[in-house]
N, C-alpha and C. Protein backbone atom coordinates (compact mmCIF):
# COMPACT_ATOMS: atom_id res chain seq x y z
N MET A 1 -11.55 22.03 -36.62
CA MET A 1 -12.54 22.21 -37.25
C MET A 1 -14.18 21.75 -36.85
N ILE A 2 -14.71 22.19 -36.70
CA ILE A 2 -15.99 21.99 -36.26
C ILE A 2 -16.92 21.25 -37.21
N LYS A 3 -17.71 20.15 -37.24
CA LYS A 3 -18.61 19.62 -37.98
C LYS A 3 -19.73 19.18 -37.60
N GLU A 4 -21.05 18.64 -38.30
CA GLU A 4 -21.98 17.91 -37.16
C GLU A 4 -21.41 16.71 -37.83
N CYS A 5 -21.58 15.75 -36.53
CA CYS A 5 -21.05 13.89 -36.09
C CYS A 5 -22.34 13.59 -36.90
N ILE A 6 -21.79 12.36 -37.75
CA ILE A 6 -22.78 11.57 -38.54
C ILE A 6 -23.53 10.80 -37.60
N ASN A 7 -23.22 10.66 -36.66
CA ASN A 7 -23.79 9.57 -35.36
C ASN A 7 -24.79 10.44 -34.30
N CYS A 8 -24.36 11.41 -33.72
CA CYS A 8 -24.87 11.97 -32.71
C CYS A 8 -25.47 12.99 -32.78
N LYS A 9 -25.40 13.36 -34.19
CA LYS A 9 -25.68 14.81 -35.13
C LYS A 9 -25.37 16.30 -34.43
N SER A 10 -24.65 16.57 -33.16
CA SER A 10 -24.15 17.72 -32.72
C SER A 10 -22.87 18.09 -33.27
N GLU A 11 -23.32 19.45 -33.49
CA GLU A 11 -21.57 20.03 -33.67
C GLU A 11 -20.19 20.17 -32.73
N LYS A 12 -19.54 19.20 -33.09
CA LYS A 12 -18.41 19.50 -32.11
C LYS A 12 -17.17 19.14 -32.71
N GLU A 13 -16.16 19.20 -32.32
CA GLU A 13 -14.94 18.97 -33.05
C GLU A 13 -14.90 17.71 -34.14
N HIS A 14 -14.39 17.94 -34.97
CA HIS A 14 -14.58 16.77 -35.95
C HIS A 14 -12.90 15.91 -35.66
N HIS A 15 -13.23 14.77 -35.85
CA HIS A 15 -12.10 13.94 -35.94
C HIS A 15 -11.71 13.25 -36.89
N ALA A 16 -12.00 12.06 -37.10
CA ALA A 16 -12.21 11.29 -38.50
C ALA A 16 -13.81 10.78 -38.78
N LYS A 17 -13.50 10.51 -40.21
CA LYS A 17 -14.90 9.69 -40.96
C LYS A 17 -16.13 10.07 -40.41
N GLY A 18 -16.24 11.36 -40.34
CA GLY A 18 -17.46 12.49 -39.83
C GLY A 18 -17.63 11.91 -38.48
N LEU A 19 -17.23 11.64 -37.64
CA LEU A 19 -17.26 11.71 -36.18
C LEU A 19 -16.92 12.45 -35.14
N CYS A 20 -17.43 12.80 -34.32
CA CYS A 20 -16.68 13.41 -32.99
C CYS A 20 -15.65 12.27 -32.41
N TYR A 21 -14.59 13.31 -31.54
CA TYR A 21 -13.70 12.40 -30.85
C TYR A 21 -14.54 11.26 -30.07
N GLN A 22 -15.40 11.43 -29.10
CA GLN A 22 -16.47 10.32 -28.20
C GLN A 22 -17.15 9.38 -29.28
N CYS A 23 -17.67 9.69 -30.52
CA CYS A 23 -18.52 8.50 -31.01
C CYS A 23 -17.32 7.96 -31.94
N TYR A 24 -16.34 8.51 -32.56
CA TYR A 24 -15.09 7.96 -33.13
C TYR A 24 -14.70 6.92 -32.22
N LYS A 25 -14.39 7.21 -30.82
CA LYS A 25 -13.67 6.25 -29.80
C LYS A 25 -14.93 4.79 -29.71
N LYS A 26 -15.72 5.41 -29.39
CA LYS A 26 -16.77 4.51 -29.54
C LYS A 26 -17.07 3.41 -30.37
N LEU A 27 -17.40 3.81 -31.78
CA LEU A 27 -17.54 3.01 -32.87
C LEU A 27 -16.49 2.34 -33.73
N LYS A 28 -15.49 3.16 -34.00
CA LYS A 28 -14.47 3.09 -34.74
C LYS A 28 -13.11 2.47 -34.31
N TRP A 29 -12.65 2.94 -33.00
CA TRP A 29 -11.27 2.97 -32.55
C TRP A 29 -11.38 1.29 -31.92
N THR A 30 -9.92 0.86 -32.31
CA THR A 30 -10.23 -0.26 -31.78
C THR A 30 -8.61 -0.66 -30.71
N PRO A 31 -8.45 -0.68 -29.76
CA PRO A 31 -7.17 -0.73 -29.16
C PRO A 31 -6.00 -2.08 -29.70
N LYS A 32 -4.98 -1.76 -29.71
CA LYS A 32 -3.72 -2.69 -30.09
C LYS A 32 -3.86 -3.92 -29.17
N LEU A 33 -3.67 -4.68 -29.75
CA LEU A 33 -3.57 -5.88 -28.77
C LEU A 33 -2.22 -6.65 -28.95
N ALA A 34 -1.44 -7.09 -27.64
CA ALA A 34 -0.03 -7.33 -27.65
C ALA A 34 -0.12 -8.79 -26.60
N LYS A 35 0.96 -9.13 -26.72
CA LYS A 35 1.21 -10.14 -25.83
C LYS A 35 1.81 -9.33 -24.58
N CYS A 36 1.45 -9.74 -23.09
CA CYS A 36 2.02 -8.77 -21.87
C CYS A 36 3.00 -9.02 -21.56
N LYS A 37 4.14 -8.66 -21.13
CA LYS A 37 5.36 -8.96 -20.75
C LYS A 37 5.53 -10.24 -19.63
N ARG A 38 4.48 -9.77 -18.32
CA ARG A 38 4.71 -10.16 -17.31
C ARG A 38 3.94 -11.61 -17.69
N CYS A 39 2.53 -11.31 -17.65
CA CYS A 39 1.71 -12.81 -17.82
C CYS A 39 1.46 -13.54 -19.21
N GLN A 40 2.00 -13.10 -20.17
CA GLN A 40 2.11 -13.93 -21.51
C GLN A 40 1.04 -13.86 -21.97
N GLN A 41 -0.23 -13.06 -21.43
CA GLN A 41 -1.68 -12.82 -22.24
C GLN A 41 -1.99 -11.94 -23.04
N THR A 42 -2.73 -12.18 -24.54
CA THR A 42 -2.65 -11.16 -25.20
C THR A 42 -3.89 -10.44 -24.84
N ARG A 43 -3.64 -8.92 -24.85
CA ARG A 43 -4.57 -8.11 -24.14
C ARG A 43 -3.72 -6.67 -24.53
N GLN A 44 -5.18 -5.51 -24.14
CA GLN A 44 -4.61 -4.40 -24.57
C GLN A 44 -3.33 -3.96 -23.80
N ILE A 45 -2.24 -3.58 -24.39
CA ILE A 45 -1.46 -2.98 -23.56
C ILE A 45 -1.64 -1.41 -23.11
N HIS A 46 -1.08 -1.50 -21.68
CA HIS A 46 -1.05 -0.09 -20.93
C HIS A 46 0.21 0.52 -21.19
N ALA A 47 1.28 0.13 -20.61
CA ALA A 47 2.38 1.11 -20.71
C ALA A 47 3.58 -0.37 -20.26
N LYS A 48 4.77 -0.05 -20.92
CA LYS A 48 5.88 -0.90 -20.75
C LYS A 48 5.81 -2.31 -21.04
N ALA A 49 4.82 -2.34 -21.93
CA ALA A 49 4.45 -3.69 -22.81
C ALA A 49 3.99 -4.63 -21.56
N LEU A 50 3.18 -3.88 -20.51
CA LEU A 50 2.57 -4.54 -19.73
C LEU A 50 0.87 -4.23 -19.97
N CYS A 51 -0.14 -5.44 -19.67
CA CYS A 51 -1.46 -5.22 -19.37
C CYS A 51 -1.87 -4.14 -18.36
N PRO A 52 -2.83 -3.54 -18.46
CA PRO A 52 -3.30 -2.81 -16.77
C PRO A 52 -3.25 -3.16 -15.56
N GLY A 53 -3.49 -4.82 -15.97
CA GLY A 53 -3.43 -5.05 -14.44
C GLY A 53 -2.10 -5.77 -14.00
N CYS A 54 -1.08 -5.57 -14.49
CA CYS A 54 0.29 -6.42 -14.23
C CYS A 54 0.62 -5.15 -14.04
N TYR A 55 0.60 -3.79 -14.80
CA TYR A 55 1.18 -2.84 -14.71
C TYR A 55 0.94 -2.16 -13.35
N ASN A 56 -0.27 -1.88 -12.77
CA ASN A 56 -0.61 -1.52 -11.64
C ASN A 56 -0.11 -2.37 -10.23
N TYR A 57 0.02 -3.79 -10.78
CA TYR A 57 0.67 -4.79 -9.70
C TYR A 57 2.27 -4.18 -9.37
N ILE A 58 2.96 -4.18 -10.57
CA ILE A 58 4.29 -3.87 -10.45
C ILE A 58 4.57 -2.23 -9.81
N PHE A 59 4.01 -1.35 -10.57
CA PHE A 59 4.17 -0.39 -10.23
C PHE A 59 3.55 0.59 -9.33
N HIS A 60 2.51 -0.12 -9.21
CA HIS A 60 1.69 0.84 -7.29
C HIS A 60 1.35 -0.47 -6.43
N MET A 61 2.23 -1.49 -6.22
CA MET A 61 2.32 -2.20 -5.47
C MET A 61 2.70 -1.64 -4.09
N ASP A 62 3.55 -0.81 -3.94
CA ASP A 62 3.88 0.00 -2.23
C ASP A 62 2.70 0.86 -2.21
N LYS A 63 1.91 1.51 -2.86
CA LYS A 63 0.63 2.23 -2.34
C LYS A 63 -0.18 1.36 -2.36
N ASN A 64 -0.46 0.35 -2.94
CA ASN A 64 -1.40 -0.49 -2.27
C ASN A 64 -1.36 -0.93 -1.13
N LYS A 65 0.07 -1.56 -0.64
CA LYS A 65 0.43 -1.90 0.36
C LYS A 65 0.09 -1.17 1.31
N ALA A 66 0.57 -0.08 1.42
CA ALA A 66 0.12 1.17 2.49
C ALA A 66 -1.21 1.49 2.70
N TYR A 67 -2.10 1.29 1.65
CA TYR A 67 -3.39 1.78 1.45
C TYR A 67 -4.32 0.38 2.31
N SER A 68 -3.90 -0.77 2.39
CA SER A 68 -4.14 -1.79 2.98
C SER A 68 -3.99 -1.75 4.17
N GLN A 69 -2.97 -1.29 4.62
CA GLN A 69 -2.47 -0.98 6.06
C GLN A 69 -3.28 -0.08 6.94
N ARG A 70 -3.36 1.08 6.30
CA ARG A 70 -3.85 1.88 6.73
C ARG A 70 -5.61 1.88 7.17
N LYS A 71 -6.10 1.07 6.27
CA LYS A 71 -7.32 0.67 6.19
C LYS A 71 -7.47 -0.20 7.14
N ARG A 72 -6.59 -1.31 7.37
CA ARG A 72 -6.69 -2.58 8.41
C ARG A 72 -6.47 -1.68 9.77
N ASN A 73 -5.38 -0.68 9.60
CA ASN A 73 -5.22 -0.30 11.07
C ASN A 73 -6.06 0.98 11.76
N ASN A 74 -6.85 1.61 10.70
CA ASN A 74 -7.82 2.70 10.55
C ASN A 74 -6.89 3.69 11.37
N ILE A 75 -5.98 4.21 10.06
CA ILE A 75 -5.01 5.54 10.72
C ILE A 75 -4.96 6.23 9.54
N ASP A 76 -4.93 7.54 9.64
CA ASP A 76 -5.01 8.69 8.36
C ASP A 76 -3.38 8.34 7.79
N LEU A 77 -3.35 8.90 6.46
CA LEU A 77 -2.27 9.14 5.82
C LEU A 77 -1.29 9.37 6.78
N LYS A 78 -1.29 10.45 7.18
CA LYS A 78 -0.40 11.42 7.72
C LYS A 78 -0.13 10.64 8.62
N THR A 79 -0.34 10.15 9.87
CA THR A 79 0.23 9.37 10.67
C THR A 79 0.72 7.90 10.63
N TYR A 80 0.33 7.54 9.04
CA TYR A 80 1.14 6.19 9.10
C TYR A 80 2.42 6.38 8.10
N ARG A 81 2.54 7.57 7.37
CA ARG A 81 3.57 8.08 6.86
C ARG A 81 4.92 8.14 8.00
N LYS A 82 4.32 9.08 8.97
CA LYS A 82 4.92 9.65 10.08
C LYS A 82 5.72 8.14 10.78
N THR A 83 4.55 7.36 11.29
CA THR A 83 5.34 6.22 11.95
C THR A 83 6.42 4.95 11.39
N THR A 84 5.80 4.86 9.85
CA THR A 84 6.55 3.92 9.19
C THR A 84 8.00 5.00 8.22
N LYS A 85 8.51 6.11 8.85
CA LYS A 85 9.47 6.28 8.34
C LYS A 85 11.06 5.75 8.53
N THR A 86 11.15 5.21 9.74
CA THR A 86 11.67 3.93 10.10
C THR A 86 11.31 3.18 11.30
N CYS A 87 12.25 2.39 11.04
CA CYS A 87 12.30 1.29 12.50
C CYS A 87 12.85 2.12 13.74
N VAL A 88 12.04 2.21 14.73
CA VAL A 88 12.55 2.80 15.99
C VAL A 88 13.62 1.69 16.91
N ILE A 89 13.75 0.96 16.48
CA ILE A 89 14.94 0.78 17.15
C ILE A 89 16.42 0.05 16.36
N CYS A 90 16.54 -0.20 14.78
CA CYS A 90 17.65 -0.23 14.38
C CYS A 90 17.69 0.81 13.00
N GLU A 91 16.98 1.91 12.95
CA GLU A 91 16.74 2.73 11.99
C GLU A 91 16.87 2.28 10.62
N PHE A 92 16.20 1.42 10.34
CA PHE A 92 16.38 0.82 8.84
C PHE A 92 14.84 1.22 8.41
N ASP A 93 14.89 1.94 7.13
CA ASP A 93 13.95 2.83 6.16
C ASP A 93 13.54 2.17 4.92
N LYS A 94 13.85 1.26 4.56
CA LYS A 94 13.39 0.76 3.47
C LYS A 94 11.94 -0.06 3.52
N ILE A 95 11.79 -0.92 4.39
CA ILE A 95 10.33 -1.43 4.70
C ILE A 95 10.39 -1.23 6.39
N VAL A 96 8.96 -0.45 6.69
CA VAL A 96 8.61 -0.44 7.86
C VAL A 96 7.31 -0.77 8.20
N ASP A 97 6.82 -2.08 9.10
CA ASP A 97 5.54 -1.94 9.55
C ASP A 97 5.16 -1.15 10.53
N ILE A 98 3.95 -1.07 10.86
CA ILE A 98 3.01 -0.43 12.21
C ILE A 98 3.06 -1.59 13.05
N HIS A 99 3.31 -1.27 14.21
CA HIS A 99 3.04 -2.11 15.48
C HIS A 99 2.35 -1.34 16.56
N HIS A 100 1.28 -2.10 17.20
CA HIS A 100 0.78 -1.22 18.32
C HIS A 100 1.33 -1.90 19.57
N ILE A 101 1.96 -0.78 20.67
CA ILE A 101 2.50 -1.34 21.55
C ILE A 101 1.57 -2.12 22.68
N ASP A 102 0.56 -1.56 22.96
CA ASP A 102 -0.71 -2.43 23.56
C ASP A 102 -0.97 -3.48 23.22
N SER A 103 -1.12 -3.95 21.68
CA SER A 103 -1.61 -5.02 21.01
C SER A 103 -3.03 -4.69 20.78
N ASN A 104 -3.43 -3.49 20.88
CA ASN A 104 -4.94 -3.36 20.91
C ASN A 104 -5.16 -2.46 19.50
N LYS A 105 -5.65 -3.17 18.51
CA LYS A 105 -5.53 -2.50 17.41
C LYS A 105 -6.48 -1.36 17.31
N GLN A 106 -7.27 -0.99 18.15
CA GLN A 106 -8.36 -0.23 18.04
C GLN A 106 -7.84 1.18 18.50
N ASN A 107 -6.72 0.90 19.50
CA ASN A 107 -6.07 2.12 20.13
C ASN A 107 -5.13 2.66 19.26
N ASN A 108 -5.59 3.95 18.16
CA ASN A 108 -4.58 4.38 17.68
C ASN A 108 -3.97 5.53 18.02
N SER A 109 -3.56 5.72 19.21
CA SER A 109 -3.06 6.84 19.32
C SER A 109 -1.66 7.16 19.12
N PRO A 110 -0.77 8.11 18.66
CA PRO A 110 0.68 8.30 18.25
C PRO A 110 1.26 7.46 19.04
N LYS A 111 1.01 7.60 20.59
CA LYS A 111 1.97 7.15 21.80
C LYS A 111 2.12 5.48 21.23
N ASN A 112 0.74 5.12 20.80
CA ASN A 112 0.86 3.47 20.72
C ASN A 112 1.14 3.01 19.63
N LEU A 113 1.74 3.85 18.78
CA LEU A 113 2.29 3.14 17.83
C LEU A 113 3.55 3.33 16.95
N ILE A 114 4.42 2.26 16.80
CA ILE A 114 5.52 2.44 16.60
C ILE A 114 5.86 1.91 15.23
N GLY A 115 6.97 1.90 14.42
CA GLY A 115 7.35 1.72 13.53
C GLY A 115 8.19 0.68 13.36
N LEU A 116 8.43 -0.55 13.03
CA LEU A 116 9.63 -1.76 12.93
C LEU A 116 9.54 -2.36 11.65
N CYS A 117 10.97 -2.62 12.04
CA CYS A 117 11.12 -3.47 10.49
C CYS A 117 10.99 -4.45 10.52
N PRO A 118 10.77 -5.73 9.31
CA PRO A 118 10.00 -7.06 9.66
C PRO A 118 11.21 -7.65 10.46
N ASN A 119 12.22 -7.49 10.54
CA ASN A 119 12.51 -8.71 11.44
C ASN A 119 12.42 -8.46 13.09
N HIS A 120 12.49 -6.90 13.42
CA HIS A 120 11.89 -6.17 14.44
C HIS A 120 10.90 -6.97 15.03
N HIS A 121 9.74 -6.60 14.18
CA HIS A 121 8.23 -6.59 14.49
C HIS A 121 8.23 -8.57 14.35
N ARG A 122 8.72 -8.92 13.95
CA ARG A 122 8.49 -10.92 14.23
C ARG A 122 9.30 -11.03 15.54
N MET A 123 10.06 -10.44 15.85
CA MET A 123 10.90 -10.52 17.08
C MET A 123 9.91 -10.26 18.30
N ILE A 124 9.33 -9.00 18.18
CA ILE A 124 8.59 -8.40 19.22
C ILE A 124 7.11 -9.54 19.42
N HIS A 125 6.90 -10.31 18.29
CA HIS A 125 5.48 -11.07 18.66
C HIS A 125 6.12 -12.63 19.20
N ASN A 126 7.36 -12.41 19.04
CA ASN A 126 7.89 -13.90 19.56
C ASN A 126 8.27 -13.73 21.19
N LEU A 127 7.87 -14.64 21.98
CA LEU A 127 8.12 -14.61 23.49
C LEU A 127 9.50 -14.66 23.88
N ASN A 128 10.51 -15.40 22.91
CA ASN A 128 11.67 -15.71 23.23
C ASN A 128 12.33 -14.16 23.11
N PHE A 129 12.25 -13.13 22.07
CA PHE A 129 12.71 -11.83 22.02
C PHE A 129 12.20 -10.89 22.55
N ARG A 130 10.98 -11.14 22.93
CA ARG A 130 10.35 -9.89 23.47
C ARG A 130 10.53 -8.72 24.56
N ASN A 131 10.96 -9.44 25.60
CA ASN A 131 11.58 -8.89 26.75
C ASN A 131 12.83 -7.76 26.27
N ASP A 132 13.53 -8.29 25.50
CA ASP A 132 14.93 -7.90 25.09
C ASP A 132 14.53 -6.48 23.93
N LEU A 133 13.80 -6.57 23.21
CA LEU A 133 13.03 -5.70 22.40
C LEU A 133 12.31 -4.63 23.27
N PHE A 134 11.80 -5.22 24.45
CA PHE A 134 10.80 -3.98 25.41
C PHE A 134 12.20 -3.44 26.04
N GLN A 135 12.85 -4.09 26.22
CA GLN A 135 14.05 -3.11 27.22
C GLN A 135 14.72 -1.85 26.13
N ILE A 136 14.98 -2.66 24.88
CA ILE A 136 15.48 -1.46 24.14
C ILE A 136 14.55 0.09 23.86
N LEU A 137 12.82 -0.83 23.78
CA LEU A 137 12.00 0.30 23.76
C LEU A 137 11.92 1.31 24.74
N LYS A 138 12.17 0.95 26.06
CA LYS A 138 11.88 1.34 27.31
C LYS A 138 12.93 2.49 27.41
N GLN A 139 14.42 2.11 27.12
CA GLN A 139 15.35 2.84 27.01
C GLN A 139 15.43 3.85 26.26
N LYS A 140 14.56 3.76 25.03
CA LYS A 140 14.40 4.76 23.92
C LYS A 140 13.45 5.96 24.42
N GLY A 141 12.59 5.75 25.44
CA GLY A 141 11.80 6.22 25.84
C GLY A 141 10.13 6.00 25.45
N PHE A 142 9.76 4.71 25.06
CA PHE A 142 8.21 4.31 24.96
C PHE A 142 8.00 3.71 26.30
N ASP A 143 6.33 4.09 26.18
CA ASP A 143 5.64 3.83 27.66
C ASP A 143 5.23 2.27 27.02
N LEU A 144 5.72 1.10 27.87
CA LEU A 144 5.21 -0.03 27.34
C LEU A 144 4.08 -0.37 28.56
N PRO A 145 2.93 -1.45 28.12
CA PRO A 145 2.33 -2.16 28.81
C PRO A 145 3.06 -2.59 29.93
N LEU A 146 2.18 -2.89 31.33
CA LEU A 146 2.81 -3.72 32.09
C LEU A 146 1.90 -4.90 32.24
N GLU A 147 1.38 -5.55 31.51
CA GLU A 147 0.54 -6.65 31.91
C GLU A 147 1.22 -7.77 31.80
N GLU A 148 0.58 -9.19 32.35
CA GLU A 148 1.45 -10.20 32.67
C GLU A 148 1.22 -10.78 31.49
N LYS A 149 0.07 -10.91 30.69
CA LYS A 149 0.08 -11.77 29.16
C LYS A 149 1.13 -11.10 28.13
N LEU A 150 1.63 -9.78 28.10
CA LEU A 150 2.55 -9.68 27.63
C LEU A 150 4.39 -10.15 27.79
N THR A 151 4.68 -10.62 28.66
CA THR A 151 5.84 -11.20 29.30
C THR A 151 5.47 -12.81 29.55
N PRO A 152 6.94 -13.53 29.10
CA PRO A 152 6.65 -14.95 28.60
C PRO A 152 6.52 -15.44 30.28
N SER A 153 5.98 -16.48 30.46
CA SER A 153 5.99 -16.64 31.98
C SER A 153 7.01 -17.72 31.74
N LYS A 154 7.61 -17.60 33.33
CA LYS A 154 9.36 -18.34 33.57
C LYS A 154 8.76 -19.68 33.57
N LYS A 155 9.75 -20.49 33.38
CA LYS A 155 9.89 -22.06 33.63
C LYS A 155 10.02 -22.54 34.90
N PRO A 156 9.73 -23.43 35.69
CA PRO A 156 10.13 -23.67 37.18
C PRO A 156 11.25 -24.40 36.81
N GLN A 157 12.34 -24.23 37.55
CA GLN A 157 13.51 -25.09 37.51
C GLN A 157 13.98 -26.17 38.62
């Protein structure tokens, strides 16, 4: 039903109380407030009894983490998804981080990026386990840097 809005005086589809949809939402409509299931604060409820902030935190956390990783490592989405599909060492596919083989975060070539599960990522940054993981990566056909700083110094006996 097309009528003249009593607020903006334009002829638009009528909603209620003589107002168009936009004017009604601005002037008359008030959101329902309820207690958020997660943060326990009285706020406007978005979905699943959560306020918008809690909803986005819970249901979009993986997207936010992926975005942050891509932004921090300066790589595109296609490369990120391809690299973080599985851990190259153990084939774990639930949580996979990006690792730069040569430890240079500016070098984002696909040959320099590998996906590692959190355990192997932590191990490759630990000098006690780095050589073992480098041997496994070498067997799988990855080009590894031959820098002295990446190998632990042997203690004199």
